Amino acid sequence: MTLGEISTQIKGLSTDKLFSQTTNPEVEGESFSSMLNKAIGDVNNSQVKGYEAMESIATGKVENLQEAVQKIEEAELSLKLALEVKNKALSAYKEIMRMQV
């Protein structure tokens, strides 16, 4: 949803617009598990590129040092983000399990 769509919904304040289901063709057929697998695969690919960049720096085969360092930093940040998302998901799960029914 874009900022323009949000502002038109706020200006209209029509309940049928606010509570209607908007379909996004990119997300509609994708399940949570496939999105999770894709995200984990992206983190893994980032880690592999980071390790390759470290290896090229160590062996002296690096052509562009700035790009290599950027790949290493990107790998580190993506792993940190994945760990934080995992920690938040686990804490949310524990909170749900503590709820009394």
PDB file of N, CA and C in Angstrom:
ATOM      1  N   MET A   1       0.851  -1.161   0.000  1.00  0.00           N
ATOM      2  CA  MET A   1       0.000   0.000   0.000  1.00  0.00           C
ATOM      3  C   MET A   1       0.900   1.227   0.000  1.00  0.00           C
ATOM      4  N   THR A   2       0.604   2.165  -0.879  1.00  0.00           N
ATOM      5  CA  THR A   2       1.428   3.352  -0.989  1.00  0.00           C
ATOM      6  C   THR A   2       0.910   4.450  -0.083  1.00  0.00           C
ATOM      7  N   LEU A   3       1.717   5.473   0.095  1.00  0.00           N
ATOM      8  CA  LEU A   3       1.344   6.602   0.936  1.00  0.00           C
ATOM      9  C   LEU A   3       0.133   7.318   0.374  1.00  0.00           C
ATOM     10  N   GLY A   4       0.034   7.402  -0.944  1.00  0.00           N
ATOM     11  CA  GLY A   4      -1.115   8.049  -1.580  1.00  0.00           C
ATOM     12  C   GLY A   4      -2.411   7.311  -1.287  1.00  0.00           C
ATOM     13  N   GLU A   5      -2.363   5.985  -1.322  1.00  0.00           N
ATOM     14  CA  GLU A   5      -3.558   5.193  -1.020  1.00  0.00           C
ATOM     15  C   GLU A   5      -3.984   5.385   0.426  1.00  0.00           C
ATOM     16  N   ILE A   6      -3.018   5.464   1.333  1.00  0.00           N
ATOM     17  CA  ILE A   6      -3.336   5.662   2.748  1.00  0.00           C
ATOM     18  C   ILE A   6      -3.969   7.022   2.959  1.00  0.00           C
ATOM     19  N   SER A   7      -3.416   8.057   2.326  1.00  0.00           N
ATOM     20  CA  SER A   7      -3.963   9.403   2.518  1.00  0.00           C
ATOM     21  C   SER A   7      -5.358   9.530   1.930  1.00  0.00           C
ATOM     22  N   THR A   8      -5.635   8.868   0.801  1.00  0.00           N
ATOM     23  CA  THR A   8      -6.992   8.942   0.245  1.00  0.00           C
ATOM     24  C   THR A   8      -7.976   8.203   1.136  1.00  0.00           C
ATOM     25  N   GLN A   9      -7.555   7.123   1.767  1.00  0.00           N
ATOM     26  CA  GLN A   9      -8.443   6.415   2.680  1.00  0.00           C
ATOM     27  C   GLN A   9      -8.723   7.247   3.915  1.00  0.00           C
ATOM     28  N   ILE A  10      -7.713   7.943   4.406  1.00  0.00           N
ATOM     29  CA  ILE A  10      -7.913   8.780   5.589  1.00  0.00           C
ATOM     30  C   ILE A  10      -8.817   9.951   5.259  1.00  0.00           C
ATOM     31  N   LYS A  11      -8.638  10.572   4.089  1.00  0.00           N
ATOM     32  CA  LYS A  11      -9.469  11.710   3.697  1.00  0.00           C
ATOM     33  C   LYS A  11     -10.922  11.284   3.513  1.00  0.00           C
ATOM     34  N   GLY A  12     -11.142  10.104   2.937  1.00  0.00           N
ATOM     35  CA  GLY A  12     -12.503   9.650   2.690  1.00  0.00           C
ATOM     36  C   GLY A  12     -13.208   9.218   3.957  1.00  0.00           C
ATOM     37  N   LEU A  13     -12.525   8.585   4.859  1.00  0.00           N
ATOM     38  CA  LEU A  13     -13.065   8.011   6.091  1.00  0.00           C
ATOM     39  C   LEU A  13     -14.335   7.219   5.845  1.00  0.00           C
ATOM     40  N   SER A  14     -14.337   6.495   4.772  1.00  0.00           N
ATOM     41  CA  SER A  14     -15.455   5.614   4.463  1.00  0.00           C
ATOM     42  C   SER A  14     -15.124   4.232   5.007  1.00  0.00           C
ATOM     43  N   THR A  15     -16.029   3.655   5.795  1.00  0.00           N
ATOM     44  CA  THR A  15     -15.726   2.377   6.434  1.00  0.00           C
ATOM     45  C   THR A  15     -15.567   1.256   5.428  1.00  0.00           C
ATOM     46  N   ASP A  16     -16.251   1.332   4.290  1.00  0.00           N
ATOM     47  CA  ASP A  16     -16.082   0.268   3.304  1.00  0.00           C
ATOM     48  C   ASP A  16     -14.685   0.303   2.691  1.00  0.00           C
ATOM     49  N   LYS A  17     -14.074   1.484   2.616  1.00  0.00           N
ATOM     50  CA  LYS A  17     -12.700   1.561   2.123  1.00  0.00           C
ATOM     51  C   LYS A  17     -11.695   1.147   3.188  1.00  0.00           C
ATOM     52  N   LEU A  18     -11.961   1.492   4.426  1.00  0.00           N
ATOM     53  CA  LEU A  18     -11.014   1.190   5.496  1.00  0.00           C
ATOM     54  C   LEU A  18     -10.935  -0.296   5.803  1.00  0.00           C
ATOM     55  N   PHE A  19     -12.046  -0.993   5.727  1.00  0.00           N
ATOM     56  CA  PHE A  19     -12.070  -2.394   6.130  1.00  0.00           C
ATOM     57  C   PHE A  19     -12.131  -3.364   4.961  1.00  0.00           C
ATOM     58  N   SER A  20     -11.993  -2.872   3.750  1.00  0.00           N
ATOM     59  CA  SER A  20     -12.020  -3.770   2.608  1.00  0.00           C
ATOM     60  C   SER A  20     -10.679  -4.466   2.467  1.00  0.00           C
ATOM     61  N   GLN A  21     -10.718  -5.666   1.953  1.00  0.00           N
ATOM     62  CA  GLN A  21      -9.505  -6.435   1.737  1.00  0.00           C
ATOM     63  C   GLN A  21      -8.862  -5.970   0.442  1.00  0.00           C
ATOM     64  N   THR A  22      -7.619  -5.545   0.511  1.00  0.00           N
ATOM     65  CA  THR A  22      -6.889  -5.201  -0.704  1.00  0.00           C
ATOM     66  C   THR A  22      -6.052  -6.407  -1.082  1.00  0.00           C
ATOM     67  N   THR A  23      -6.109  -6.754  -2.333  1.00  0.00           N
ATOM     68  CA  THR A  23      -5.347  -7.915  -2.785  1.00  0.00           C
ATOM     69  C   THR A  23      -4.100  -7.447  -3.492  1.00  0.00           C
ATOM     70  N   ASN A  24      -2.995  -8.008  -3.088  1.00  0.00           N
ATOM     71  CA  ASN A  24      -1.716  -7.738  -3.710  1.00  0.00           C
ATOM     72  C   ASN A  24      -1.321  -8.994  -4.472  1.00  0.00           C
ATOM     73  N   PRO A  25      -1.268  -8.941  -5.787  1.00  0.00           N
ATOM     74  CA  PRO A  25      -0.991 -10.162  -6.553  1.00  0.00           C
ATOM     75  C   PRO A  25       0.378 -10.765  -6.263  1.00  0.00           C
ATOM     76  N   GLU A  26       1.324  -9.968  -5.790  1.00  0.00           N
ATOM     77  CA  GLU A  26       2.652 -10.511  -5.494  1.00  0.00           C
ATOM     78  C   GLU A  26       2.636 -11.364  -4.232  1.00  0.00           C
ATOM     79  N   VAL A  27       1.771 -11.034  -3.255  1.00  0.00           N
ATOM     80  CA  VAL A  27       1.781 -11.697  -1.959  1.00  0.00           C
ATOM     81  C   VAL A  27       0.670 -12.733  -1.855  1.00  0.00           C
ATOM     82  N   GLU A  28      -0.331 -12.651  -2.695  1.00  0.00           N
ATOM     83  CA  GLU A  28      -1.546 -13.441  -2.533  1.00  0.00           C
ATOM     84  C   GLU A  28      -1.309 -14.945  -2.469  1.00  0.00           C
ATOM     85  N   GLY A  29      -0.513 -15.523  -3.343  1.00  0.00           N
ATOM     86  CA  GLY A  29      -0.342 -16.962  -3.368  1.00  0.00           C
ATOM     87  C   GLY A  29       0.795 -17.482  -2.529  1.00  0.00           C
ATOM     88  N   GLU A  30       1.525 -16.604  -1.877  1.00  0.00           N
ATOM     89  CA  GLU A  30       2.723 -17.014  -1.158  1.00  0.00           C
ATOM     90  C   GLU A  30       2.386 -17.304   0.310  1.00  0.00           C
ATOM     91  N   SER A  31       2.795 -18.456   0.796  1.00  0.00           N
ATOM     92  CA  SER A  31       2.519 -18.813   2.174  1.00  0.00           C
ATOM     93  C   SER A  31       3.599 -18.268   3.095  1.00  0.00           C
ATOM     94  N   PHE A  32       3.318 -18.291   4.392  1.00  0.00           N
ATOM     95  CA  PHE A  32       4.279 -17.789   5.375  1.00  0.00           C
ATOM     96  C   PHE A  32       5.558 -18.619   5.351  1.00  0.00           C
ATOM     97  N   SER A  33       5.409 -19.926   5.233  1.00  0.00           N
ATOM     98  CA  SER A  33       6.599 -20.783   5.241  1.00  0.00           C
ATOM     99  C   SER A  33       7.478 -20.529   4.019  1.00  0.00           C
ATOM    100  N   SER A  34       6.878 -20.264   2.863  1.00  0.00           N
ATOM    101  CA  SER A  34       7.705 -19.984   1.688  1.00  0.00           C
ATOM    102  C   SER A  34       8.392 -18.627   1.819  1.00  0.00           C
ATOM    103  N   MET A  35       7.719 -17.646   2.427  1.00  0.00           N
ATOM    104  CA  MET A  35       8.364 -16.351   2.660  1.00  0.00           C
ATOM    105  C   MET A  35       9.513 -16.503   3.648  1.00  0.00           C
ATOM    106  N   LEU A  36       9.307 -17.326   4.683  1.00  0.00           N
ATOM    107  CA  LEU A  36      10.351 -17.558   5.672  1.00  0.00           C
ATOM    108  C   LEU A  36      11.541 -18.278   5.052  1.00  0.00           C
ATOM    109  N   ASN A  37      11.265 -19.289   4.242  1.00  0.00           N
ATOM    110  CA  ASN A  37      12.343 -20.006   3.559  1.00  0.00           C
ATOM    111  C   ASN A  37      13.121 -19.086   2.628  1.00  0.00           C
ATOM    112  N   LYS A  38      12.424 -18.187   1.937  1.00  0.00           N
ATOM    113  CA  LYS A  38      13.074 -17.238   1.040  1.00  0.00           C
ATOM    114  C   LYS A  38      13.966 -16.288   1.831  1.00  0.00           C
ATOM    115  N   ALA A  39      13.476 -15.806   2.966  1.00  0.00           N
ATOM    116  CA  ALA A  39      14.265 -14.893   3.794  1.00  0.00           C
ATOM    117  C   ALA A  39      15.508 -15.588   4.338  1.00  0.00           C
ATOM    118  N   ILE A  40      15.361 -16.822   4.776  1.00  0.00           N
ATOM    119  CA  ILE A  40      16.511 -17.575   5.280  1.00  0.00           C
ATOM    120  C   ILE A  40      17.509 -17.832   4.151  1.00  0.00           C
ATOM    121  N   GLY A  41      17.008 -18.124   2.975  1.00  0.00           N
ATOM    122  CA  GLY A  41      17.882 -18.316   1.814  1.00  0.00           C
ATOM    123  C   GLY A  41      18.642 -17.043   1.462  1.00  0.00           C
ATOM    124  N   ASP A  42      17.968 -15.887   1.572  1.00  0.00           N
ATOM    125  CA  ASP A  42      18.639 -14.615   1.301  1.00  0.00           C
ATOM    126  C   ASP A  42      19.754 -14.350   2.310  1.00  0.00           C
ATOM    127  N   VAL A  43      19.490 -14.645   3.580  1.00  0.00           N
ATOM    128  CA  VAL A  43      20.520 -14.468   4.604  1.00  0.00           C
ATOM    129  C   VAL A  43      21.688 -15.410   4.332  1.00  0.00           C
ATOM    130  N   ASN A  44      21.383 -16.635   3.959  1.00  0.00           N
ATOM    131  CA  ASN A  44      22.437 -17.607   3.652  1.00  0.00           C
ATOM    132  C   ASN A  44      23.279 -17.147   2.466  1.00  0.00           C
ATOM    133  N   ASN A  45      22.629 -16.661   1.409  1.00  0.00           N
ATOM    134  CA  ASN A  45      23.371 -16.171   0.245  1.00  0.00           C
ATOM    135  C   ASN A  45      24.264 -14.988   0.624  1.00  0.00           C
ATOM    136  N   SER A  46      23.751 -14.127   1.481  1.00  0.00           N
ATOM    137  CA  SER A  46      24.541 -12.994   1.940  1.00  0.00           C
ATOM    138  C   SER A  46      25.761 -13.465   2.723  1.00  0.00           C
ATOM    139  N   GLN A  47      25.576 -14.476   3.566  1.00  0.00           N
ATOM    140  CA  GLN A  47      26.693 -15.024   4.333  1.00  0.00           C
ATOM    141  C   GLN A  47      27.740 -15.656   3.416  1.00  0.00           C
ATOM    142  N   VAL A  48      27.289 -16.369   2.400  1.00  0.00           N
ATOM    143  CA  VAL A  48      28.222 -17.004   1.465  1.00  0.00           C
ATOM    144  C   VAL A  48      29.039 -15.938   0.735  1.00  0.00           C
ATOM    145  N   LYS A  49      28.356 -14.877   0.281  1.00  0.00           N
ATOM    146  CA  LYS A  49      29.077 -13.797  -0.411  1.00  0.00           C
ATOM    147  C   LYS A  49      30.061 -13.111   0.529  1.00  0.00           C
ATOM    148  N   GLY A  50      29.675 -12.954   1.778  1.00  0.00           N
ATOM    149  CA  GLY A  50      30.575 -12.351   2.761  1.00  0.00           C
ATOM    150  C   GLY A  50      31.815 -13.194   2.993  1.00  0.00           C
ATOM    151  N   TYR A  51      31.625 -14.522   3.121  1.00  0.00           N
ATOM    152  CA  TYR A  51      32.771 -15.408   3.310  1.00  0.00           C
ATOM    153  C   TYR A  51      33.680 -15.422   2.079  1.00  0.00           C
ATOM    154  N   GLU A  52      33.072 -15.381   0.890  1.00  0.00           N
ATOM    155  CA  GLU A  52      33.876 -15.327  -0.328  1.00  0.00           C
ATOM    156  C   GLU A  52      34.680 -14.035  -0.385  1.00  0.00           C
ATOM    157  N   ALA A  53      34.063 -12.929   0.053  1.00  0.00           N
ATOM    158  CA  ALA A  53      34.776 -11.652   0.066  1.00  0.00           C
ATOM    159  C   ALA A  53      35.919 -11.690   1.068  1.00  0.00           C
ATOM    160  N   MET A  54      35.694 -12.297   2.237  1.00  0.00           N
ATOM    161  CA  MET A  54      36.774 -12.424   3.224  1.00  0.00           C
ATOM    162  C   MET A  54      37.919 -13.262   2.681  1.00  0.00           C
ATOM    163  N   GLU A  55      37.565 -14.336   2.003  1.00  0.00           N
ATOM    164  CA  GLU A  55      38.594 -15.205   1.431  1.00  0.00           C
ATOM    165  C   GLU A  55      39.389 -14.473   0.359  1.00  0.00           C
ATOM    166  N   SER A  56      38.717 -13.692  -0.460  1.00  0.00           N
ATOM    167  CA  SER A  56      39.432 -12.961  -1.508  1.00  0.00           C
ATOM    168  C   SER A  56      40.329 -11.878  -0.930  1.00  0.00           C
ATOM    169  N   ILE A  57      39.913 -11.272   0.186  1.00  0.00           N
ATOM    170  CA  ILE A  57      40.781 -10.289   0.847  1.00  0.00           C
ATOM    171  C   ILE A  57      42.005 -10.989   1.437  1.00  0.00           C
ATOM    172  N   ALA A  58      41.782 -12.143   2.079  1.00  0.00           N
ATOM    173  CA  ALA A  58      42.883 -12.863   2.729  1.00  0.00           C
ATOM    174  C   ALA A  58      43.903 -13.381   1.716  1.00  0.00           C
ATOM    175  N   THR A  59      43.427 -13.796   0.557  1.00  0.00           N
ATOM    176  CA  THR A  59      44.345 -14.336  -0.442  1.00  0.00           C
ATOM    177  C   THR A  59      44.905 -13.263  -1.369  1.00  0.00           C
ATOM    178  N   GLY A  60      44.396 -12.041  -1.271  1.00  0.00           N
ATOM    179  CA  GLY A  60      44.884 -10.956  -2.106  1.00  0.00           C
ATOM    180  C   GLY A  60      44.299 -10.935  -3.498  1.00  0.00           C
ATOM    181  N   LYS A  61      43.223 -11.652  -3.716  1.00  0.00           N
ATOM    182  CA  LYS A  61      42.605 -11.721  -5.037  1.00  0.00           C
ATOM    183  C   LYS A  61      41.492 -10.684  -5.218  1.00  0.00           C
ATOM    184  N   VAL A  62      41.347  -9.803  -4.251  1.00  0.00           N
ATOM    185  CA  VAL A  62      40.256  -8.835  -4.303  1.00  0.00           C
ATOM    186  C   VAL A  62      40.577  -7.751  -5.338  1.00  0.00           C
ATOM    187  N   GLU A  63      39.576  -7.419  -6.162  1.00  0.00           N
ATOM    188  CA  GLU A  63      39.748  -6.370  -7.161  1.00  0.00           C
ATOM    189  C   GLU A  63      39.295  -5.020  -6.608  1.00  0.00           C
ATOM    190  N   ASN A  64      38.205  -5.027  -5.861  1.00  0.00           N
ATOM    191  CA  ASN A  64      37.680  -3.795  -5.294  1.00  0.00           C
ATOM    192  C   ASN A  64      37.483  -4.016  -3.799  1.00  0.00           C
ATOM    193  N   LEU A  65      38.333  -3.437  -3.009  1.00  0.00           N
ATOM    194  CA  LEU A  65      38.302  -3.643  -1.560  1.00  0.00           C
ATOM    195  C   LEU A  65      37.013  -3.105  -0.945  1.00  0.00           C
ATOM    196  N   GLN A  66      36.539  -1.977  -1.456  1.00  0.00           N
ATOM    197  CA  GLN A  66      35.322  -1.373  -0.905  1.00  0.00           C
ATOM    198  C   GLN A  66      34.115  -2.291  -1.081  1.00  0.00           C
ATOM    199  N   GLU A  67      33.971  -2.913  -2.243  1.00  0.00           N
ATOM    200  CA  GLU A  67      32.857  -3.839  -2.472  1.00  0.00           C
ATOM    201  C   GLU A  67      32.966  -5.068  -1.572  1.00  0.00           C
ATOM    202  N   ALA A  68      34.173  -5.554  -1.367  1.00  0.00           N
ATOM    203  CA  ALA A  68      34.376  -6.725  -0.514  1.00  0.00           C
ATOM    204  C   ALA A  68      33.985  -6.414   0.919  1.00  0.00           C
ATOM    205  N   VAL A  69      34.421  -5.270   1.420  1.00  0.00           N
ATOM    206  CA  VAL A  69      34.069  -4.881   2.789  1.00  0.00           C
ATOM    207  C   VAL A  69      32.573  -4.653   2.904  1.00  0.00           C
ATOM    208  N   GLN A  70      31.972  -4.092   1.851  1.00  0.00           N
ATOM    209  CA  GLN A  70      30.527  -3.872   1.851  1.00  0.00           C
ATOM    210  C   GLN A  70      29.771  -5.202   1.925  1.00  0.00           C
ATOM    211  N   LYS A  71      30.219  -6.211   1.204  1.00  0.00           N
ATOM    212  CA  LYS A  71      29.579  -7.527   1.247  1.00  0.00           C
ATOM    213  C   LYS A  71      29.703  -8.150   2.636  1.00  0.00           C
ATOM    214  N   ILE A  72      30.862  -7.969   3.265  1.00  0.00           N
ATOM    215  CA  ILE A  72      31.060  -8.509   4.613  1.00  0.00           C
ATOM    216  C   ILE A  72      30.138  -7.819   5.602  1.00  0.00           C
ATOM    217  N   GLU A  73      30.032  -6.508   5.521  1.00  0.00           N
ATOM    218  CA  GLU A  73      29.149  -5.755   6.416  1.00  0.00           C
ATOM    219  C   GLU A  73      27.679  -6.110   6.172  1.00  0.00           C
ATOM    220  N   GLU A  74      27.316  -6.282   4.909  1.00  0.00           N
ATOM    221  CA  GLU A  74      25.942  -6.663   4.581  1.00  0.00           C
ATOM    222  C   GLU A  74      25.617  -8.030   5.164  1.00  0.00           C
ATOM    223  N   ALA A  75      26.553  -8.957   5.090  1.00  0.00           N
ATOM    224  CA  ALA A  75      26.346 -10.288   5.646  1.00  0.00           C
ATOM    225  C   ALA A  75      26.177 -10.215   7.158  1.00  0.00           C
ATOM    226  N   GLU A  76      26.995  -9.396   7.809  1.00  0.00           N
ATOM    227  CA  GLU A  76      26.902  -9.259   9.263  1.00  0.00           C
ATOM    228  C   GLU A  76      25.572  -8.644   9.680  1.00  0.00           C
ATOM    229  N   LEU A  77      25.146  -7.601   8.977  1.00  0.00           N
ATOM    230  CA  LEU A  77      23.885  -6.940   9.320  1.00  0.00           C
ATOM    231  C   LEU A  77      22.677  -7.833   9.043  1.00  0.00           C
ATOM    232  N   SER A  78      22.724  -8.585   7.950  1.00  0.00           N
ATOM    233  CA  SER A  78      21.591  -9.457   7.655  1.00  0.00           C
ATOM    234  C   SER A  78      21.473 -10.573   8.687  1.00  0.00           C
ATOM    235  N   LEU A  79      22.614 -11.077   9.165  1.00  0.00           N
ATOM    236  CA  LEU A  79      22.579 -12.108  10.201  1.00  0.00           C
ATOM    237  C   LEU A  79      22.058 -11.534  11.515  1.00  0.00           C
ATOM    238  N   LYS A  80      22.496 -10.324  11.868  1.00  0.00           N
ATOM    239  CA  LYS A  80      21.995  -9.689  13.086  1.00  0.00           C
ATOM    240  C   LYS A  80      20.491  -9.456  13.014  1.00  0.00           C
ATOM    241  N   LEU A  81      20.013  -9.008  11.845  1.00  0.00           N
ATOM    242  CA  LEU A  81      18.580  -8.794  11.673  1.00  0.00           C
ATOM    243  C   LEU A  81      17.811 -10.096  11.804  1.00  0.00           C
ATOM    244  N   ALA A  82      18.318 -11.160  11.183  1.00  0.00           N
ATOM    245  CA  ALA A  82      17.655 -12.462  11.274  1.00  0.00           C
ATOM    246  C   ALA A  82      17.602 -12.949  12.717  1.00  0.00           C
ATOM    247  N   LEU A  83      18.674 -12.744  13.462  1.00  0.00           N
ATOM    248  CA  LEU A  83      18.693 -13.158  14.868  1.00  0.00           C
ATOM    249  C   LEU A  83      17.700 -12.351  15.701  1.00  0.00           C
ATOM    250  N   GLU A  84      17.601 -11.055  15.438  1.00  0.00           N
ATOM    251  CA  GLU A  84      16.645 -10.230  16.179  1.00  0.00           C
ATOM    252  C   GLU A  84      15.204 -10.618  15.859  1.00  0.00           C
ATOM    253  N   VAL A  85      14.938 -10.907  14.594  1.00  0.00           N
ATOM    254  CA  VAL A  85      13.583 -11.348  14.217  1.00  0.00           C
ATOM    255  C   VAL A  85      13.264 -12.670  14.891  1.00  0.00           C
ATOM    256  N   LYS A  86      14.234 -13.581  14.924  1.00  0.00           N
ATOM    257  CA  LYS A  86      14.032 -14.864  15.603  1.00  0.00           C
ATOM    258  C   LYS A  86      13.757 -14.659  17.081  1.00  0.00           C
ATOM    259  N   ASN A  87      14.532 -13.790  17.723  1.00  0.00           N
ATOM    260  CA  ASN A  87      14.331 -13.531  19.149  1.00  0.00           C
ATOM    261  C   ASN A  87      12.962 -12.924  19.423  1.00  0.00           C
ATOM    262  N   LYS A  88      12.529 -12.002  18.575  1.00  0.00           N
ATOM    263  CA  LYS A  88      11.204 -11.390  18.751  1.00  0.00           C
ATOM    264  C   LYS A  88      10.099 -12.419  18.533  1.00  0.00           C
ATOM    265  N   ALA A  89      10.268 -13.279  17.553  1.00  0.00           N
ATOM    266  CA  ALA A  89       9.263 -14.307  17.295  1.00  0.00           C
ATOM    267  C   ALA A  89       9.177 -15.285  18.471  1.00  0.00           C
ATOM    268  N   LEU A  90      10.318 -15.671  19.017  1.00  0.00           N
ATOM    269  CA  LEU A  90      10.319 -16.579  20.168  1.00  0.00           C
ATOM    270  C   LEU A  90       9.696 -15.925  21.397  1.00  0.00           C
ATOM    271  N   SER A  91      10.000 -14.661  21.619  1.00  0.00           N
ATOM    272  CA  SER A  91       9.400 -13.985  22.780  1.00  0.00           C
ATOM    273  C   SER A  91       7.897 -13.820  22.591  1.00  0.00           C
ATOM    274  N   ALA A  92       7.447 -13.572  21.364  1.00  0.00           N
ATOM    275  CA  ALA A  92       6.008 -13.490  21.110  1.00  0.00           C
ATOM    276  C   ALA A  92       5.344 -14.845  21.328  1.00  0.00           C
ATOM    277  N   TYR A  93       6.003 -15.913  20.883  1.00  0.00           N
ATOM    278  CA  TYR A  93       5.470 -17.261  21.086  1.00  0.00           C
ATOM    279  C   TYR A  93       5.363 -17.580  22.576  1.00  0.00           C
ATOM    280  N   LYS A  94       6.404 -17.241  23.340  1.00  0.00           N
ATOM    281  CA  LYS A  94       6.383 -17.497  24.787  1.00  0.00           C
ATOM    282  C   LYS A  94       5.292 -16.691  25.458  1.00  0.00           C
ATOM    283  N   GLU A  95       5.099 -15.464  24.998  1.00  0.00           N
ATOM    284  CA  GLU A  95       4.032 -14.626  25.562  1.00  0.00           C
ATOM    285  C   GLU A  95       2.654 -15.220  25.284  1.00  0.00           C
ATOM    286  N   ILE A  96       2.468 -15.733  24.093  1.00  0.00           N
ATOM    287  CA  ILE A  96       1.193 -16.377  23.739  1.00  0.00           C
ATOM    288  C   ILE A  96       0.975 -17.629  24.571  1.00  0.00           C
ATOM    289  N   MET A  97       2.042 -18.401  24.782  1.00  0.00           N
ATOM    290  CA  MET A  97       1.915 -19.625  25.570  1.00  0.00           C
ATOM    291  C   MET A  97       1.609 -19.336  27.038  1.00  0.00           C
ATOM    292  N   ARG A  98       1.985 -18.174  27.537  1.00  0.00           N
ATOM    293  CA  ARG A  98       1.698 -17.805  28.912  1.00  0.00           C
ATOM    294  C   ARG A  98       0.258 -17.335  29.101  1.00  0.00           C
ATOM    295  N   MET A  99      -0.414 -17.010  28.007  1.00  0.00           N
ATOM    296  CA  MET A  99      -1.796 -16.498  28.103  1.00  0.00           C
ATOM    297  C   MET A  99      -2.717 -17.610  28.590  1.00  0.00           C
ATOM    298  N   GLN A 100      -3.623 -17.227  29.456  1.00  0.00           N
ATOM    299  CA  GLN A 100      -4.607 -18.194  29.937  1.00  0.00           C
ATOM    300  C   GLN A 100      -5.842 -18.136  29.043  1.00  0.00           C
ATOM    301  N   VAL A 101      -6.366 -19.303  28.753  1.00  0.00           N
ATOM    302  CA  VAL A 101      -7.523 -19.375  27.860  1.00  0.00           C
ATOM    303  C   VAL A 101      -8.790 -19.459  28.675  1.00  0.00           C
TER     304      VAL A 101
END
